């Protein structure tokens, strides 16, 4: 590639050269190129000067390639043809045969319930495509999209750059997860009982503040703070700890740990929309669009129709 920058080479000259070589005549080439004969002759002179050798010689009433010209023609013609085809006839995307690798950003709250059915759908519709999953959350998603570390993401998000496209997938509420064999919450969990218990929280900041502290200014008795939701079920089971989780996460945990239960929160946390996020620069990428559509279909089979948008909060517990 360095030669492109070191030499003052107008690539249009190569196009003129190839057409003249095919036509064997400046007159015929000028007609095909919709140029004047002097313009074609001037282009050939400029290219010969750049190459440093004559490219044509007179042959009767037409032109014939020199040895140097033949070498250039043999190299340049297929490259120019490939450029034309890539410009006017982009390769059609076929999910059945595509071997494309797509990078998807997933928050830990969504990875467990979304990834297995997504892979099953991929096996049926695009068996040779591959996924690379990148961990993201509401504090890191803007950077991940901006640096193209991910092609799209599924997470809760706050403010994002103006070139970000957003599609709300479902509305996520919060519940309290507990082990009824150890935590005494009664038939209805009260605010007093909730605050009297010790808690396990998820904090992306590595501190003792979760969504309850940030959203409501209420300080719980935090026993342990963890960076992700994956270990919460194991910590709650067999203990009197309470955990405040997105309902979708709690459903996954209780499906694997049937001894655990959920109950409505005695505090009004509202909820947050889980969104499909991507930059408008990849809006026309057929492979990424296929994957986004597949995610939407999978989410609808699990969560049903999308609920109306509401004010957002963070995705911590």
Protein backbone atom coordinates (compact mmCIF):
# COMPACT_ATOMS: atom_id res chain seq x y z
CA UNK A 1 0.00 0.00 0.00
CA UNK A 2 2.90 2.36 0.53
CA UNK A 3 3.27 2.87 -3.23
CA UNK A 4 -0.16 4.47 -3.43
CA UNK A 5 1.03 7.23 -1.14
CA UNK A 6 4.57 7.58 -2.47
CA UNK A 7 3.61 8.04 -6.13
CA UNK A 8 1.20 10.54 -7.60
CA UNK A 9 -0.91 7.85 -9.28
CA UNK A 10 -4.45 8.62 -10.37
CA UNK A 11 -6.21 5.25 -10.33
CA UNK A 12 -8.48 6.49 -13.13
CA UNK A 13 -5.44 6.17 -15.37
CA UNK A 14 -5.48 2.41 -14.83
CA UNK A 15 -9.11 2.28 -15.90
CA UNK A 16 -8.28 4.15 -19.12
CA UNK A 17 -5.29 1.89 -19.69
CA UNK A 18 -7.31 -1.33 -19.31
CA UNK A 19 -10.05 -0.13 -21.69
CA UNK A 20 -7.46 0.90 -24.32
CA UNK A 21 -5.73 -2.48 -23.98
CA UNK A 22 -9.04 -4.28 -24.45
CA UNK A 23 -10.11 -2.10 -27.38
CA UNK A 24 -6.69 -1.95 -29.09
CA UNK A 25 -7.51 1.57 -30.16
CA UNK A 26 -7.59 5.02 -28.61
CA UNK A 27 -10.60 5.93 -30.73
CA UNK A 28 -12.64 2.93 -29.61
CA UNK A 29 -11.55 3.36 -25.96
CA UNK A 30 -12.56 7.04 -26.02
CA UNK A 31 -16.01 6.02 -27.24
CA UNK A 32 -16.42 3.43 -24.47
CA UNK A 33 -15.19 5.83 -21.80
CA UNK A 34 -17.18 8.85 -23.06
CA UNK A 35 -13.93 10.82 -23.31
CA UNK A 36 -12.23 12.65 -26.14
CA UNK A 37 -9.32 11.02 -27.95
CA UNK A 38 -6.87 13.71 -26.71
CA UNK A 39 -7.99 13.03 -23.12
CA UNK A 40 -7.35 9.28 -23.51
CA UNK A 41 -3.94 9.90 -25.12
CA UNK A 42 -2.99 12.31 -22.32
CA UNK A 43 -3.99 9.71 -19.70
CA UNK A 44 -1.80 7.09 -21.36
CA UNK A 45 1.16 9.47 -21.43
CA UNK A 46 0.74 10.25 -17.73
CA UNK A 47 0.55 6.56 -16.82
CA UNK A 48 3.60 5.71 -18.94
CA UNK A 49 5.51 8.50 -17.22
CA UNK A 50 4.52 7.16 -13.80
CA UNK A 51 5.45 3.58 -14.72
CA UNK A 52 8.69 4.72 -16.34
CA UNK A 53 8.27 2.63 -19.47
CA UNK A 54 6.15 2.64 -22.64
CA UNK A 55 2.98 0.57 -22.35
CA UNK A 56 1.85 0.52 -26.00
CA UNK A 57 3.42 0.49 -29.43
CA UNK A 58 1.82 1.18 -32.78
CA UNK A 59 0.52 -1.95 -34.52
CA UNK A 60 -0.99 -1.13 -37.90
CA UNK A 61 -3.97 1.15 -37.32
CA UNK A 62 -4.19 0.25 -33.64
CA UNK A 63 -2.09 -0.27 -30.51
CA UNK A 64 -0.39 -3.33 -29.05
CA UNK A 65 0.85 -3.85 -25.50
CA UNK A 66 4.54 -3.86 -24.76
CA UNK A 67 5.92 -6.53 -22.42
CA UNK A 68 5.68 -4.06 -19.54
CA UNK A 69 2.18 -3.10 -20.62
CA UNK A 70 1.09 -6.75 -20.77
CA UNK A 71 2.32 -7.37 -17.22
CA UNK A 72 0.42 -4.32 -15.98
CA UNK A 73 -2.72 -5.34 -17.88
CA UNK A 74 -2.61 -8.89 -16.47
CA UNK A 75 -2.39 -7.52 -12.91
CA UNK A 76 -4.68 -4.50 -13.16
CA UNK A 77 -7.66 -5.93 -15.06
CA UNK A 78 -8.87 -8.47 -12.43
CA UNK A 79 -8.32 -5.99 -9.61
CA UNK A 80 -10.39 -3.30 -11.34
CA UNK A 81 -13.09 -5.84 -12.16
CA UNK A 82 -13.22 -6.89 -8.50
CA UNK A 83 -13.56 -3.26 -7.44
CA UNK A 84 -16.43 -2.71 -9.87
CA UNK A 85 -18.23 -5.85 -8.69
CA UNK A 86 -17.75 -4.92 -5.04
CA UNK A 87 -19.19 -1.47 -5.74
CA UNK A 88 -22.24 -2.31 -7.82
CA UNK A 89 -22.92 -5.91 -6.76
CA UNK A 90 -22.26 -6.36 -3.03
CA UNK A 91 -22.21 -9.99 -1.93
CA UNK A 92 -25.64 -11.17 -0.81
CA UNK A 93 -25.88 -12.28 2.81
CA UNK A 94 -27.16 -15.83 3.27
CA UNK A 95 -27.50 -16.88 6.92
CA UNK A 96 -27.47 -20.55 5.97
CA UNK A 97 -23.95 -20.31 4.54
CA UNK A 98 -22.49 -17.23 6.24
CA UNK A 99 -19.45 -17.80 8.46
CA UNK A 100 -19.58 -14.30 9.90
CA UNK A 101 -18.53 -13.71 13.52
CA UNK A 102 -20.71 -11.17 15.35
CA UNK A 103 -19.69 -9.53 18.62
CA UNK A 104 -22.61 -9.05 20.99
CA UNK A 105 -22.42 -7.09 24.24
CA UNK A 106 -24.47 -8.65 27.05
CA UNK A 107 -24.94 -7.58 30.63
CA UNK A 108 -24.60 -10.40 33.12
CA UNK A 109 -28.31 -9.95 33.93
CA UNK A 110 -29.19 -10.99 30.36
CA UNK A 111 -26.55 -13.52 29.39
CA UNK A 112 -28.02 -16.55 31.19
CA UNK A 113 -31.60 -16.35 29.91
CA UNK A 114 -30.90 -14.93 26.41
CA UNK A 115 -27.81 -16.76 25.19
CA UNK A 116 -29.05 -20.41 25.28
CA UNK A 117 -32.25 -19.85 23.22
CA UNK A 118 -30.35 -17.48 20.91
CA UNK A 119 -27.79 -20.19 20.15
CA UNK A 120 -30.55 -22.73 19.53
CA UNK A 121 -32.18 -20.36 17.04
CA UNK A 122 -28.78 -19.75 15.45
CA UNK A 123 -28.25 -23.49 15.02
CA UNK A 124 -31.44 -23.66 12.96
CA UNK A 125 -31.14 -20.51 10.88
CA UNK A 126 -27.41 -19.71 10.64
CA UNK A 127 -25.47 -22.83 11.68
CA UNK A 128 -22.07 -21.49 10.60
CA UNK A 129 -22.27 -18.04 12.14
CA UNK A 130 -20.45 -17.48 15.42
CA UNK A 131 -20.92 -15.22 18.43
CA UNK A 132 -18.35 -13.51 20.61
CA UNK A 133 -19.96 -12.30 23.84
CA UNK A 134 -18.48 -9.21 25.48
CA UNK A 135 -19.55 -8.23 29.02
CA UNK A 136 -21.14 -4.78 29.17
CA UNK A 137 -23.31 -2.86 31.59
CA UNK A 138 -24.90 0.56 31.76
CA UNK A 139 -21.61 2.29 32.65
CA UNK A 140 -19.50 0.67 29.90
CA UNK A 141 -21.89 0.27 26.99
CA UNK A 142 -21.21 3.70 25.45
CA UNK A 143 -17.47 3.02 25.21
CA UNK A 144 -18.02 -0.52 23.87
CA UNK A 145 -20.24 0.76 21.07
CA UNK A 146 -18.08 3.80 20.35
CA UNK A 147 -14.90 1.72 19.98
CA UNK A 148 -16.69 -0.94 17.90
CA UNK A 149 -15.78 -3.55 20.52
CA UNK A 150 -19.31 -4.87 20.01
CA UNK A 151 -21.57 -4.90 16.94
CA UNK A 152 -24.67 -4.50 19.11
CA UNK A 153 -25.66 -4.99 22.73
CA UNK A 154 -28.54 -6.02 24.97
CA UNK A 155 -28.49 -4.20 28.29
CA UNK A 156 -29.90 -1.36 30.36
CA UNK A 157 -28.43 1.99 29.33
CA UNK A 158 -28.47 5.62 30.36
CA UNK A 159 -27.42 8.48 28.07
CA UNK A 160 -25.74 7.35 24.84
CA UNK A 161 -24.18 9.18 21.86
CA UNK A 162 -26.57 10.60 19.28
CA UNK A 163 -25.52 8.04 16.65
CA UNK A 164 -26.77 5.15 18.80
CA UNK A 165 -29.91 3.33 17.70
CA UNK A 166 -32.13 2.01 20.54
CA UNK A 167 -34.96 -0.51 20.58
CA UNK A 168 -36.75 -1.31 23.83
CA UNK A 169 -37.12 -5.10 24.18
CA UNK A 170 -39.03 -5.45 27.45
CA UNK A 171 -39.66 -3.69 30.72
CA UNK A 172 -37.76 -5.12 33.67
CA UNK A 173 -39.06 -4.94 37.23
CA UNK A 174 -37.33 -5.91 40.47
CA UNK A 175 -38.15 -8.57 43.07
CA UNK A 176 -36.70 -9.80 46.34
CA UNK A 177 -35.04 -13.24 46.29
CA UNK A 178 -34.79 -15.23 49.53
CA UNK A 179 -34.51 -18.71 51.05
CA UNK A 180 -37.75 -19.36 53.02
CA UNK A 181 -35.99 -21.98 55.12
CA UNK A 182 -33.81 -19.29 56.71
CA UNK A 183 -35.19 -15.82 55.95
CA UNK A 184 -38.44 -15.02 57.75
CA UNK A 185 -40.25 -12.55 55.52
CA UNK A 186 -43.85 -13.44 56.40
CA UNK A 187 -46.77 -13.53 53.99
CA UNK A 188 -45.97 -10.02 52.83
CA UNK A 189 -42.52 -8.49 53.03
CA UNK A 190 -42.68 -5.17 54.84
CA UNK A 191 -40.25 -2.29 54.63
CA UNK A 192 -39.23 -2.84 58.26
CA UNK A 193 -38.54 -6.53 57.70
CA UNK A 194 -36.71 -5.83 54.44
CA UNK A 195 -34.36 -3.32 56.10
CA UNK A 196 -33.88 -5.53 59.17
CA UNK A 197 -32.44 -8.37 57.08
CA UNK A 198 -28.89 -8.50 55.77
CA UNK A 199 -28.46 -8.27 52.00
CA UNK A 200 -26.27 -9.41 49.14
CA UNK A 201 -26.02 -6.70 46.51
CA UNK A 202 -24.57 -6.35 43.03
CA UNK A 203 -22.37 -3.31 42.61
CA UNK A 204 -20.45 -2.53 39.43
CA UNK A 205 -18.48 0.08 41.39
CA UNK A 206 -17.11 -2.40 43.91
CA UNK A 207 -18.73 -0.65 46.89
CA UNK A 208 -21.66 -1.16 49.28
CA UNK A 209 -24.20 0.74 47.19
CA UNK A 210 -26.77 -0.87 44.93
CA UNK A 211 -29.92 0.34 43.20
CA UNK A 212 -31.84 0.82 46.46
CA UNK A 213 -29.15 3.13 47.85
CA UNK A 214 -28.75 5.05 44.61
CA UNK A 215 -32.39 5.33 43.57
CA UNK A 216 -34.08 5.78 46.95
CA UNK A 217 -31.29 6.92 49.27
CA UNK A 218 -32.10 4.03 51.62
CA UNK A 219 -29.14 2.23 53.18
CA UNK A 220 -29.53 -1.52 53.63
CA UNK A 221 -27.55 -3.80 55.93
CA UNK A 222 -25.17 -5.08 53.26
CA UNK A 223 -23.41 -8.31 54.19
CA UNK A 224 -21.64 -8.85 50.88
CA UNK A 225 -21.26 -6.95 47.61
CA UNK A 226 -20.48 -8.87 44.42
CA UNK A 227 -19.65 -7.56 40.92
CA UNK A 228 -22.12 -9.73 38.97
CA UNK A 229 -25.39 -11.61 39.39
CA UNK A 230 -23.94 -15.08 38.73
CA UNK A 231 -23.14 -15.92 42.34
CA UNK A 232 -26.20 -14.38 44.00
CA UNK A 233 -28.27 -17.57 44.01
CA UNK A 234 -25.53 -19.56 45.71
CA UNK A 235 -25.09 -16.86 48.34
CA UNK A 236 -28.80 -16.58 49.14
CA UNK A 237 -29.45 -20.32 49.29
CA UNK A 238 -28.90 -21.66 52.77
CA UNK A 239 -28.74 -18.18 54.32
CA UNK A 240 -31.04 -15.48 55.65
CA UNK A 241 -29.72 -12.98 53.10
CA UNK A 242 -32.07 -11.07 50.82
CA UNK A 243 -31.20 -10.07 47.26
CA UNK A 244 -32.91 -7.40 45.17
CA UNK A 245 -32.75 -8.52 41.55
CA UNK A 246 -34.26 -7.91 38.12
CA UNK A 247 -37.21 -10.29 37.83
CA UNK A 248 -35.70 -11.94 34.74
CA UNK A 249 -32.57 -12.83 36.72
CA UNK A 250 -34.58 -14.11 39.66
CA UNK A 251 -36.58 -16.40 37.37
CA UNK A 252 -33.39 -18.00 36.08
CA UNK A 253 -32.04 -18.47 39.60
CA UNK A 254 -35.21 -20.06 40.98
CA UNK A 255 -35.43 -22.41 37.97
CA UNK A 256 -32.03 -23.78 38.97
CA UNK A 257 -32.54 -23.48 42.75
CA UNK A 258 -36.15 -24.50 43.47
CA UNK A 259 -35.73 -23.97 47.22
CA UNK A 260 -35.55 -20.21 46.68
CA UNK A 261 -38.55 -17.89 46.39
CA UNK A 262 -39.29 -14.37 45.23
CA UNK A 263 -41.62 -11.78 46.71
CA UNK A 264 -42.61 -8.22 45.73
CA UNK A 265 -40.43 -5.45 47.08
CA UNK A 266 -41.81 -3.16 49.81
CA UNK A 267 -40.02 -0.26 48.08
CA UNK A 268 -40.99 1.35 44.78
CA UNK A 269 -38.00 0.91 42.48
CA UNK A 270 -39.99 1.23 39.30
CA UNK A 271 -38.00 -0.62 36.66
CA UNK A 272 -35.86 -0.21 33.58
CA UNK A 273 -36.18 -1.09 29.89
CA UNK A 274 -33.75 -3.65 28.56
CA UNK A 275 -32.73 -2.33 25.15
CA UNK A 276 -31.16 -3.50 21.92
CA UNK A 277 -28.41 -0.99 21.11
CA UNK A 278 -26.27 -0.45 18.01
CA UNK A 279 -24.54 2.36 16.12
CA UNK A 280 -26.09 3.70 12.96
CA UNK A 281 -22.83 2.95 11.10
CA UNK A 282 -23.76 -0.77 11.07
CA UNK A 283 -27.45 -0.22 10.35
CA UNK A 284 -26.99 -1.50 6.79
CA UNK A 285 -24.87 -4.53 7.70
CA UNK A 286 -27.03 -7.51 6.70
CA UNK A 287 -25.32 -9.99 9.05
CA UNK A 288 -25.64 -7.73 12.09
CA UNK A 289 -29.22 -6.87 11.16
CA UNK A 290 -30.02 -10.59 10.94
CA UNK A 291 -28.60 -11.15 14.42
CA UNK A 292 -30.52 -8.19 15.85
CA UNK A 293 -33.77 -9.48 14.35
CA UNK A 294 -33.05 -12.92 15.77
CA UNK A 295 -32.57 -11.44 19.24
CA UNK A 296 -35.90 -9.58 18.96
CA UNK A 297 -37.71 -12.79 18.00
CA UNK A 298 -36.11 -14.77 20.82
CA UNK A 299 -36.98 -12.07 23.37
CA UNK A 300 -40.61 -11.99 22.22
CA UNK A 301 -40.95 -15.74 22.73
CA UNK A 302 -39.76 -15.30 26.33
CA UNK A 303 -41.21 -11.95 27.40
CA UNK A 304 -44.12 -11.41 25.05
CA UNK A 305 -44.96 -7.99 23.52
CA UNK A 306 -42.87 -5.00 24.52
CA UNK A 307 -44.33 -2.80 27.26
CA UNK A 308 -44.60 0.94 26.94
CA UNK A 309 -41.43 2.95 27.72
CA UNK A 310 -41.04 4.26 31.25
CA UNK A 311 -38.40 6.26 33.15
CA UNK A 312 -35.16 4.29 33.48
CA UNK A 313 -32.99 3.37 36.45
CA UNK A 314 -29.69 1.52 36.66
CA UNK A 315 -29.47 -2.26 36.38
CA UNK A 316 -27.84 -3.00 39.72
CA UNK A 317 -29.28 -4.96 42.61
